[in-house]
């Protein structure tokens, strides 16, 4: 029986000042199944998108589960503006 994933609730503003804190939060949870809750997100900046992609790559390389829960419409819109899709985020791979 696998453990329920830990949940990281993303803040409303995912901008440059939050990127370091977000990276530190992910680093503490490497090796555990993880769910990222995007329900509150009202702004996703490129620096935090990079942190999220790095986390997705790390979790994939470790063979651990990483899922995206409740992405807000704005989170999805900002991902799209950055040329990403939720599936891209979860796979950690950016198509050429």
PDB file of N, CA and C in Angstrom:
ATOM      1  N   UNK A   1       0.851  -1.190   0.000  1.00  0.00           N
ATOM      2  CA  UNK A   1       0.000   0.000   0.000  1.00  0.00           C
ATOM      3  C   UNK A   1       0.889   1.243   0.000  1.00  0.00           C
ATOM      4  N   UNK A   2       0.702   2.105  -0.957  1.00  0.00           N
ATOM      5  CA  UNK A   2       1.544   3.295  -1.047  1.00  0.00           C
ATOM      6  C   UNK A   2       0.998   4.407  -0.152  1.00  0.00           C
ATOM      7  N   UNK A   3       1.904   5.211   0.322  1.00  0.00           N
ATOM      8  CA  UNK A   3       1.526   6.312   1.206  1.00  0.00           C
ATOM      9  C   UNK A   3       0.818   7.399   0.418  1.00  0.00           C
ATOM     10  N   UNK A   4      -0.095   8.085   1.085  1.00  0.00           N
ATOM     11  CA  UNK A   4      -0.758   9.230   0.456  1.00  0.00           C
ATOM     12  C   UNK A   4       0.300  10.299   0.196  1.00  0.00           C
ATOM     13  N   UNK A   5       0.187  10.980  -0.932  1.00  0.00           N
ATOM     14  CA  UNK A   5       1.201  11.996  -1.235  1.00  0.00           C
ATOM     15  C   UNK A   5       1.134  13.181  -0.279  1.00  0.00           C
ATOM     16  N   UNK A   6       2.296  13.750  -0.018  1.00  0.00           N
ATOM     17  CA  UNK A   6       2.351  15.022   0.705  1.00  0.00           C
ATOM     18  C   UNK A   6       1.834  16.083  -0.248  1.00  0.00           C
ATOM     19  N   UNK A   7       1.270  17.146   0.286  1.00  0.00           N
ATOM     20  CA  UNK A   7       0.697  18.197  -0.555  1.00  0.00           C
ATOM     21  C   UNK A   7       1.438  19.511  -0.313  1.00  0.00           C
ATOM     22  N   UNK A   8       1.873  20.134  -1.392  1.00  0.00           N
ATOM     23  CA  UNK A   8       2.400  21.499  -1.338  1.00  0.00           C
ATOM     24  C   UNK A   8       1.312  22.388  -1.924  1.00  0.00           C
ATOM     25  N   UNK A   9       0.806  23.306  -1.118  1.00  0.00           N
ATOM     26  CA  UNK A   9      -0.182  24.267  -1.602  1.00  0.00           C
ATOM     27  C   UNK A   9       0.563  25.495  -2.107  1.00  0.00           C
ATOM     28  N   UNK A  10       0.411  25.762  -3.383  1.00  0.00           N
ATOM     29  CA  UNK A  10       1.093  26.912  -3.981  1.00  0.00           C
ATOM     30  C   UNK A  10       0.408  28.201  -3.556  1.00  0.00           C
ATOM     31  N   UNK A  11       1.201  29.252  -3.332  1.00  0.00           N
ATOM     32  CA  UNK A  11       0.613  30.539  -2.960  1.00  0.00           C
ATOM     33  C   UNK A  11      -0.030  31.233  -4.160  1.00  0.00           C
ATOM     34  N   UNK A  12      -0.732  32.324  -3.890  1.00  0.00           N
ATOM     35  CA  UNK A  12      -1.396  33.075  -4.961  1.00  0.00           C
ATOM     36  C   UNK A  12      -0.399  33.622  -5.967  1.00  0.00           C
ATOM     37  N   UNK A  13       0.686  34.191  -5.482  1.00  0.00           N
ATOM     38  CA  UNK A  13       1.674  34.829  -6.347  1.00  0.00           C
ATOM     39  C   UNK A  13       2.931  33.967  -6.434  1.00  0.00           C
ATOM     40  N   UNK A  14       3.147  33.376  -7.588  1.00  0.00           N
ATOM     41  CA  UNK A  14       4.355  32.579  -7.819  1.00  0.00           C
ATOM     42  C   UNK A  14       5.307  33.418  -8.666  1.00  0.00           C
ATOM     43  N   UNK A  15       6.000  34.329  -7.990  1.00  0.00           N
ATOM     44  CA  UNK A  15       6.910  35.217  -8.691  1.00  0.00           C
ATOM     45  C   UNK A  15       8.326  35.030  -8.157  1.00  0.00           C
ATOM     46  N   UNK A  16       9.249  35.844  -8.621  1.00  0.00           N
ATOM     47  CA  UNK A  16      10.666  35.700  -8.310  1.00  0.00           C
ATOM     48  C   UNK A  16      10.950  35.551  -6.812  1.00  0.00           C
ATOM     49  N   UNK A  17      10.404  36.382  -5.939  1.00  0.00           N
ATOM     50  CA  UNK A  17      10.723  36.243  -4.511  1.00  0.00           C
ATOM     51  C   UNK A  17      10.315  34.893  -3.912  1.00  0.00           C
ATOM     52  N   UNK A  18       9.325  34.238  -4.499  1.00  0.00           N
ATOM     53  CA  UNK A  18       8.825  32.968  -3.971  1.00  0.00           C
ATOM     54  C   UNK A  18       9.642  31.777  -4.494  1.00  0.00           C
ATOM     55  N   UNK A  19      10.365  31.955  -5.590  1.00  0.00           N
ATOM     56  CA  UNK A  19      11.046  30.844  -6.260  1.00  0.00           C
ATOM     57  C   UNK A  19      12.013  30.105  -5.335  1.00  0.00           C
ATOM     58  N   UNK A  20      12.821  30.824  -4.579  1.00  0.00           N
ATOM     59  CA  UNK A  20      13.794  30.181  -3.692  1.00  0.00           C
ATOM     60  C   UNK A  20      13.084  29.386  -2.603  1.00  0.00           C
ATOM     61  N   UNK A  21      12.057  29.982  -1.997  1.00  0.00           N
ATOM     62  CA  UNK A  21      11.297  29.282  -0.958  1.00  0.00           C
ATOM     63  C   UNK A  21      10.643  28.022  -1.526  1.00  0.00           C
ATOM     64  N   UNK A  22      10.102  28.122  -2.727  1.00  0.00           N
ATOM     65  CA  UNK A  22       9.453  26.993  -3.366  1.00  0.00           C
ATOM     66  C   UNK A  22      10.464  25.877  -3.628  1.00  0.00           C
ATOM     67  N   UNK A  23      11.631  26.239  -4.140  1.00  0.00           N
ATOM     68  CA  UNK A  23      12.688  25.248  -4.393  1.00  0.00           C
ATOM     69  C   UNK A  23      13.104  24.555  -3.101  1.00  0.00           C
ATOM     70  N   UNK A  24      13.223  25.313  -2.017  1.00  0.00           N
ATOM     71  CA  UNK A  24      13.587  24.729  -0.722  1.00  0.00           C
ATOM     72  C   UNK A  24      12.507  23.769  -0.227  1.00  0.00           C
ATOM     73  N   UNK A  25      11.239  24.126  -0.442  1.00  0.00           N
ATOM     74  CA  UNK A  25      10.134  23.253  -0.045  1.00  0.00           C
ATOM     75  C   UNK A  25      10.197  21.924  -0.788  1.00  0.00           C
ATOM     76  N   UNK A  26      10.450  21.989  -2.088  1.00  0.00           N
ATOM     77  CA  UNK A  26      10.559  20.760  -2.862  1.00  0.00           C
ATOM     78  C   UNK A  26      11.758  19.933  -2.415  1.00  0.00           C
ATOM     79  N   UNK A  27      12.893  20.586  -2.181  1.00  0.00           N
ATOM     80  CA  UNK A  27      14.115  19.867  -1.803  1.00  0.00           C
ATOM     81  C   UNK A  27      13.917  19.044  -0.533  1.00  0.00           C
ATOM     82  N   UNK A  28      13.121  19.538   0.394  1.00  0.00           N
ATOM     83  CA  UNK A  28      12.874  18.823   1.653  1.00  0.00           C
ATOM     84  C   UNK A  28      12.029  17.572   1.463  1.00  0.00           C
ATOM     85  N   UNK A  29      11.333  17.474   0.320  1.00  0.00           N
ATOM     86  CA  UNK A  29      10.381  16.383   0.111  1.00  0.00           C
ATOM     87  C   UNK A  29      10.811  15.390  -0.970  1.00  0.00           C
ATOM     88  N   UNK A  30      12.036  15.521  -1.473  1.00  0.00           N
ATOM     89  CA  UNK A  30      12.518  14.576  -2.487  1.00  0.00           C
ATOM     90  C   UNK A  30      12.464  13.170  -1.905  1.00  0.00           C
ATOM     91  N   UNK A  31      11.973  12.244  -2.713  1.00  0.00           N
ATOM     92  CA  UNK A  31      11.870  10.864  -2.279  1.00  0.00           C
ATOM     93  C   UNK A  31      10.501  10.484  -1.749  1.00  0.00           C
ATOM     94  N   UNK A  32       9.601  11.454  -1.681  1.00  0.00           N
ATOM     95  CA  UNK A  32       8.238  11.191  -1.217  1.00  0.00           C
ATOM     96  C   UNK A  32       7.257  11.453  -2.354  1.00  0.00           C
ATOM     97  N   UNK A  33       6.141  10.705  -2.397  1.00  0.00           N
ATOM     98  CA  UNK A  33       5.095  11.051  -3.353  1.00  0.00           C
ATOM     99  C   UNK A  33       4.588  12.454  -3.023  1.00  0.00           C
ATOM    100  N   UNK A  34       4.324  13.246  -4.046  1.00  0.00           N
ATOM    101  CA  UNK A  34       3.981  14.645  -3.816  1.00  0.00           C
ATOM    102  C   UNK A  34       2.845  15.089  -4.727  1.00  0.00           C
ATOM    103  N   UNK A  35       1.947  15.883  -4.169  1.00  0.00           N
ATOM    104  CA  UNK A  35       0.887  16.523  -4.936  1.00  0.00           C
ATOM    105  C   UNK A  35       1.076  18.033  -4.809  1.00  0.00           C
ATOM    106  N   UNK A  36       0.976  18.725  -5.928  1.00  0.00           N
ATOM    107  CA  UNK A  36       1.100  20.184  -5.956  1.00  0.00           C
ATOM    108  C   UNK A  36      -0.296  20.744  -6.176  1.00  0.00           C
ATOM    109  N   UNK A  37      -0.784  21.516  -5.209  1.00  0.00           N
ATOM    110  CA  UNK A  37      -2.133  22.085  -5.283  1.00  0.00           C
ATOM    111  C   UNK A  37      -2.040  23.519  -5.806  1.00  0.00           C
ATOM    112  N   UNK A  38      -2.622  23.739  -6.983  1.00  0.00           N
ATOM    113  CA  UNK A  38      -2.552  25.054  -7.617  1.00  0.00           C
ATOM    114  C   UNK A  38      -3.842  25.847  -7.552  1.00  0.00           C
ATOM    115  N   UNK A  39      -4.723  25.516  -6.614  1.00  0.00           N
ATOM    116  CA  UNK A  39      -6.047  26.147  -6.546  1.00  0.00           C
ATOM    117  C   UNK A  39      -5.986  27.647  -6.298  1.00  0.00           C
ATOM    118  N   UNK A  40      -5.005  28.113  -5.518  1.00  0.00           N
ATOM    119  CA  UNK A  40      -4.962  29.532  -5.142  1.00  0.00           C
ATOM    120  C   UNK A  40      -4.168  30.402  -6.113  1.00  0.00           C
ATOM    121  N   UNK A  41      -3.457  29.799  -7.060  1.00  0.00           N
ATOM    122  CA  UNK A  41      -2.528  30.545  -7.909  1.00  0.00           C
ATOM    123  C   UNK A  41      -3.258  31.586  -8.759  1.00  0.00           C
ATOM    124  N   UNK A  42      -2.781  32.827  -8.653  1.00  0.00           N
ATOM    125  CA  UNK A  42      -3.300  33.927  -9.468  1.00  0.00           C
ATOM    126  C   UNK A  42      -2.229  34.501 -10.393  1.00  0.00           C
ATOM    127  N   UNK A  43      -0.985  34.049 -10.213  1.00  0.00           N
ATOM    128  CA  UNK A  43       0.109  34.508 -11.087  1.00  0.00           C
ATOM    129  C   UNK A  43       1.229  33.484 -11.036  1.00  0.00           C
ATOM    130  N   UNK A  44       1.646  33.011 -12.204  1.00  0.00           N
ATOM    131  CA  UNK A  44       2.761  32.089 -12.318  1.00  0.00           C
ATOM    132  C   UNK A  44       3.839  32.741 -13.160  1.00  0.00           C
ATOM    133  N   UNK A  45       4.937  33.086 -12.521  1.00  0.00           N
ATOM    134  CA  UNK A  45       6.054  33.689 -13.231  1.00  0.00           C
ATOM    135  C   UNK A  45       7.024  32.629 -13.732  1.00  0.00           C
ATOM    136  N   UNK A  46       7.903  33.037 -14.633  1.00  0.00           N
ATOM    137  CA  UNK A  46       8.842  32.107 -15.261  1.00  0.00           C
ATOM    138  C   UNK A  46       9.783  31.459 -14.253  1.00  0.00           C
ATOM    139  N   UNK A  47      10.224  32.197 -13.240  1.00  0.00           N
ATOM    140  CA  UNK A  47      11.168  31.621 -12.272  1.00  0.00           C
ATOM    141  C   UNK A  47      10.527  30.479 -11.486  1.00  0.00           C
ATOM    142  N   UNK A  48       9.286  30.630 -11.088  1.00  0.00           N
ATOM    143  CA  UNK A  48       8.599  29.558 -10.371  1.00  0.00           C
ATOM    144  C   UNK A  48       8.225  28.416 -11.314  1.00  0.00           C
ATOM    145  N   UNK A  49       7.936  28.733 -12.566  1.00  0.00           N
ATOM    146  CA  UNK A  49       7.680  27.670 -13.543  1.00  0.00           C
ATOM    147  C   UNK A  49       8.926  26.803 -13.700  1.00  0.00           C
ATOM    148  N   UNK A  50      10.107  27.439 -13.690  1.00  0.00           N
ATOM    149  CA  UNK A  50      11.362  26.680 -13.774  1.00  0.00           C
ATOM    150  C   UNK A  50      11.529  25.778 -12.553  1.00  0.00           C
ATOM    151  N   UNK A  51      11.194  26.276 -11.381  1.00  0.00           N
ATOM    152  CA  UNK A  51      11.277  25.466 -10.159  1.00  0.00           C
ATOM    153  C   UNK A  51      10.331  24.273 -10.260  1.00  0.00           C
ATOM    154  N   UNK A  52       9.115  24.509 -10.750  1.00  0.00           N
ATOM    155  CA  UNK A  52       8.141  23.426 -10.885  1.00  0.00           C
ATOM    156  C   UNK A  52       8.620  22.379 -11.892  1.00  0.00           C
ATOM    157  N   UNK A  53       9.189  22.827 -12.999  1.00  0.00           N
ATOM    158  CA  UNK A  53       9.714  21.882 -13.991  1.00  0.00           C
ATOM    159  C   UNK A  53      10.890  21.086 -13.427  1.00  0.00           C
ATOM    160  N   UNK A  54      11.766  21.754 -12.679  1.00  0.00           N
ATOM    161  CA  UNK A  54      12.896  21.053 -12.067  1.00  0.00           C
ATOM    162  C   UNK A  54      12.400  19.994 -11.082  1.00  0.00           C
ATOM    163  N   UNK A  55      11.362  20.333 -10.319  1.00  0.00           N
ATOM    164  CA  UNK A  55      10.782  19.360  -9.387  1.00  0.00           C
ATOM    165  C   UNK A  55      10.206  18.178 -10.148  1.00  0.00           C
ATOM    166  N   UNK A  56       9.488  18.457 -11.240  1.00  0.00           N
ATOM    167  CA  UNK A  56       8.907  17.377 -12.037  1.00  0.00           C
ATOM    168  C   UNK A  56       9.993  16.452 -12.564  1.00  0.00           C
ATOM    169  N   UNK A  57      11.095  17.027 -13.025  1.00  0.00           N
ATOM    170  CA  UNK A  57      12.210  16.208 -13.525  1.00  0.00           C
ATOM    171  C   UNK A  57      12.823  15.376 -12.405  1.00  0.00           C
ATOM    172  N   UNK A  58      12.993  15.992 -11.250  1.00  0.00           N
ATOM    173  CA  UNK A  58      13.577  15.280 -10.113  1.00  0.00           C
ATOM    174  C   UNK A  58      12.704  14.118  -9.693  1.00  0.00           C
ATOM    175  N   UNK A  59      11.403  14.372  -9.554  1.00  0.00           N
ATOM    176  CA  UNK A  59      10.492  13.312  -9.120  1.00  0.00           C
ATOM    177  C   UNK A  59      10.458  12.184 -10.156  1.00  0.00           C
ATOM    178  N   UNK A  60      10.473  12.541 -11.433  1.00  0.00           N
ATOM    179  CA  UNK A  60      10.458  11.524 -12.470  1.00  0.00           C
ATOM    180  C   UNK A  60      11.737  10.691 -12.421  1.00  0.00           C
ATOM    181  N   UNK A  61      12.880  11.345 -12.270  1.00  0.00           N
ATOM    182  CA  UNK A  61      14.151  10.610 -12.246  1.00  0.00           C
ATOM    183  C   UNK A  61      14.266   9.720 -11.008  1.00  0.00           C
ATOM    184  N   UNK A  62      13.619  10.116  -9.924  1.00  0.00           N
ATOM    185  CA  UNK A  62      13.643   9.320  -8.691  1.00  0.00           C
ATOM    186  C   UNK A  62      12.588   8.211  -8.721  1.00  0.00           C
ATOM    187  N   UNK A  63      11.698   8.259  -9.717  1.00  0.00           N
ATOM    188  CA  UNK A  63      10.646   7.259  -9.810  1.00  0.00           C
ATOM    189  C   UNK A  63       9.512   7.483  -8.827  1.00  0.00           C
ATOM    190  N   UNK A  64       9.395   8.699  -8.323  1.00  0.00           N
ATOM    191  CA  UNK A  64       8.340   9.020  -7.368  1.00  0.00           C
ATOM    192  C   UNK A  64       7.170   9.705  -8.066  1.00  0.00           C
ATOM    193  N   UNK A  65       6.033   9.665  -7.413  1.00  0.00           N
ATOM    194  CA  UNK A  65       4.809  10.247  -7.952  1.00  0.00           C
ATOM    195  C   UNK A  65       4.759  11.752  -7.688  1.00  0.00           C
ATOM    196  N   UNK A  66       4.433  12.511  -8.724  1.00  0.00           N
ATOM    197  CA  UNK A  66       4.205  13.950  -8.601  1.00  0.00           C
ATOM    198  C   UNK A  66       2.942  14.266  -9.385  1.00  0.00           C
ATOM    199  N   UNK A  67       1.976  14.886  -8.718  1.00  0.00           N
ATOM    200  CA  UNK A  67       0.725  15.199  -9.408  1.00  0.00           C
ATOM    201  C   UNK A  67       0.369  16.664  -9.197  1.00  0.00           C
ATOM    202  N   UNK A  68      -0.441  17.163 -10.102  1.00  0.00           N
ATOM    203  CA  UNK A  68      -0.953  18.528 -10.034  1.00  0.00           C
ATOM    204  C   UNK A  68      -2.432  18.439  -9.695  1.00  0.00           C
ATOM    205  N   UNK A  69      -2.820  19.088  -8.604  1.00  0.00           N
ATOM    206  CA  UNK A  69      -4.214  19.065  -8.170  1.00  0.00           C
ATOM    207  C   UNK A  69      -4.826  20.452  -8.268  1.00  0.00           C
ATOM    208  N   UNK A  70      -6.082  20.503  -8.626  1.00  0.00           N
ATOM    209  CA  UNK A  70      -6.876  21.738  -8.582  1.00  0.00           C
ATOM    210  C   UNK A  70      -6.200  22.954  -9.209  1.00  0.00           C
ATOM    211  N   UNK A  71      -5.610  22.837 -10.400  1.00  0.00           N
ATOM    212  CA  UNK A  71      -4.979  24.034 -10.965  1.00  0.00           C
ATOM    213  C   UNK A  71      -6.029  25.111 -11.231  1.00  0.00           C
ATOM    214  N   UNK A  72      -5.754  26.310 -10.770  1.00  0.00           N
ATOM    215  CA  UNK A  72      -6.689  27.412 -10.999  1.00  0.00           C
ATOM    216  C   UNK A  72      -6.693  27.758 -12.488  1.00  0.00           C
ATOM    217  N   UNK A  73      -7.771  28.375 -12.962  1.00  0.00           N
ATOM    218  CA  UNK A  73      -7.793  28.805 -14.373  1.00  0.00           C
ATOM    219  C   UNK A  73      -6.596  29.702 -14.700  1.00  0.00           C
ATOM    220  N   UNK A  74      -6.218  30.562 -13.769  1.00  0.00           N
ATOM    221  CA  UNK A  74      -5.084  31.469 -14.021  1.00  0.00           C
ATOM    222  C   UNK A  74      -3.771  30.700 -14.098  1.00  0.00           C
ATOM    223  N   UNK A  75      -3.600  29.691 -13.246  1.00  0.00           N
ATOM    224  CA  UNK A  75      -2.403  28.850 -13.287  1.00  0.00           C
ATOM    225  C   UNK A  75      -2.284  28.215 -14.676  1.00  0.00           C
ATOM    226  N   UNK A  76      -3.382  27.635 -15.166  1.00  0.00           N
ATOM    227  CA  UNK A  76      -3.376  26.996 -16.477  1.00  0.00           C
ATOM    228  C   UNK A  76      -3.113  28.014 -17.587  1.00  0.00           C
ATOM    229  N   UNK A  77      -3.708  29.197 -17.458  1.00  0.00           N
ATOM    230  CA  UNK A  77      -3.504  30.257 -18.456  1.00  0.00           C
ATOM    231  C   UNK A  77      -2.042  30.696 -18.490  1.00  0.00           C
ATOM    232  N   UNK A  78      -1.453  30.889 -17.308  1.00  0.00           N
ATOM    233  CA  UNK A  78      -0.050  31.309 -17.254  1.00  0.00           C
ATOM    234  C   UNK A  78       0.888  30.215 -17.759  1.00  0.00           C
ATOM    235  N   UNK A  79       0.585  28.946 -17.456  1.00  0.00           N
ATOM    236  CA  UNK A  79       1.377  27.851 -18.025  1.00  0.00           C
ATOM    237  C   UNK A  79       1.359  27.943 -19.544  1.00  0.00           C
ATOM    238  N   UNK A  80       0.166  28.147 -20.095  1.00  0.00           N
ATOM    239  CA  UNK A  80       0.011  28.256 -21.543  1.00  0.00           C
ATOM    240  C   UNK A  80       0.800  29.439 -22.100  1.00  0.00           C
ATOM    241  N   UNK A  81       0.747  30.583 -21.409  1.00  0.00           N
ATOM    242  CA  UNK A  81       1.495  31.766 -21.852  1.00  0.00           C
ATOM    243  C   UNK A  81       3.004  31.510 -21.866  1.00  0.00           C
ATOM    244  N   UNK A  82       3.453  30.619 -20.977  1.00  0.00           N
ATOM    245  CA  UNK A  82       4.872  30.274 -20.911  1.00  0.00           C
ATOM    246  C   UNK A  82       5.222  29.133 -21.876  1.00  0.00           C
ATOM    247  N   UNK A  83       4.220  28.692 -22.651  1.00  0.00           N
ATOM    248  CA  UNK A  83       4.456  27.638 -23.629  1.00  0.00           C
ATOM    249  C   UNK A  83       4.416  26.248 -23.040  1.00  0.00           C
ATOM    250  N   UNK A  84       3.779  26.106 -21.889  1.00  0.00           N
ATOM    251  CA  UNK A  84       3.714  24.818 -21.206  1.00  0.00           C
ATOM    252  C   UNK A  84       2.267  24.352 -21.071  1.00  0.00           C
ATOM    253  N   UNK A  85       2.120  23.071 -20.830  1.00  0.00           N
ATOM    254  CA  UNK A  85       0.818  22.490 -20.548  1.00  0.00           C
ATOM    255  C   UNK A  85       0.953  21.680 -19.264  1.00  0.00           C
ATOM    256  N   UNK A  86      -0.159  21.376 -18.589  1.00  0.00           N
ATOM    257  CA  UNK A  86      -0.055  20.561 -17.370  1.00  0.00           C
ATOM    258  C   UNK A  86       0.694  19.250 -17.596  1.00  0.00           C
ATOM    259  N   UNK A  87       0.482  18.599 -18.728  1.00  0.00           N
ATOM    260  CA  UNK A  87       1.187  17.334 -19.011  1.00  0.00           C
ATOM    261  C   UNK A  87       2.693  17.576 -19.123  1.00  0.00           C
ATOM    262  N   UNK A  88       3.084  18.700 -19.696  1.00  0.00           N
ATOM    263  CA  UNK A  88       4.507  19.061 -19.792  1.00  0.00           C
ATOM    264  C   UNK A  88       5.076  19.246 -18.399  1.00  0.00           C
ATOM    265  N   UNK A  89       4.342  19.950 -17.568  1.00  0.00           N
ATOM    266  CA  UNK A  89       4.792  20.178 -16.194  1.00  0.00           C
ATOM    267  C   UNK A  89       4.998  18.858 -15.475  1.00  0.00           C
ATOM    268  N   UNK A  90       4.061  17.940 -15.605  1.00  0.00           N
ATOM    269  CA  UNK A  90       4.142  16.681 -14.884  1.00  0.00           C
ATOM    270  C   UNK A  90       5.230  15.768 -15.427  1.00  0.00           C
ATOM    271  N   UNK A  91       5.503  15.842 -16.729  1.00  0.00           N
ATOM    272  CA  UNK A  91       6.533  14.977 -17.290  1.00  0.00           C
ATOM    273  C   UNK A  91       7.934  15.559 -17.085  1.00  0.00           C
ATOM    274  N   UNK A  92       7.992  16.888 -16.878  1.00  0.00           N
ATOM    275  CA  UNK A  92       9.293  17.537 -16.730  1.00  0.00           C
ATOM    276  C   UNK A  92      10.026  17.693 -18.038  1.00  0.00           C
ATOM    277  N   UNK A  93       9.353  17.424 -19.140  1.00  0.00           N
ATOM    278  CA  UNK A  93       9.992  17.484 -20.462  1.00  0.00           C
ATOM    279  C   UNK A  93       9.328  18.573 -21.283  1.00  0.00           C
ATOM    280  N   UNK A  94      10.116  19.441 -21.851  1.00  0.00           N
ATOM    281  CA  UNK A  94       9.597  20.482 -22.743  1.00  0.00           C
ATOM    282  C   UNK A  94       9.838  20.033 -24.168  1.00  0.00           C
ATOM    283  N   UNK A  95       8.756  19.924 -24.925  1.00  0.00           N
ATOM    284  CA  UNK A  95       8.882  19.516 -26.333  1.00  0.00           C
ATOM    285  C   UNK A  95       9.535  20.624 -27.139  1.00  0.00           C
ATOM    286  N   UNK A  96      10.340  20.272 -28.144  1.00  0.00           N
ATOM    287  CA  UNK A  96      10.977  21.303 -28.961  1.00  0.00           C
ATOM    288  C   UNK A  96       9.978  22.062 -29.796  1.00  0.00           C
TER     289      UNK A  96
END
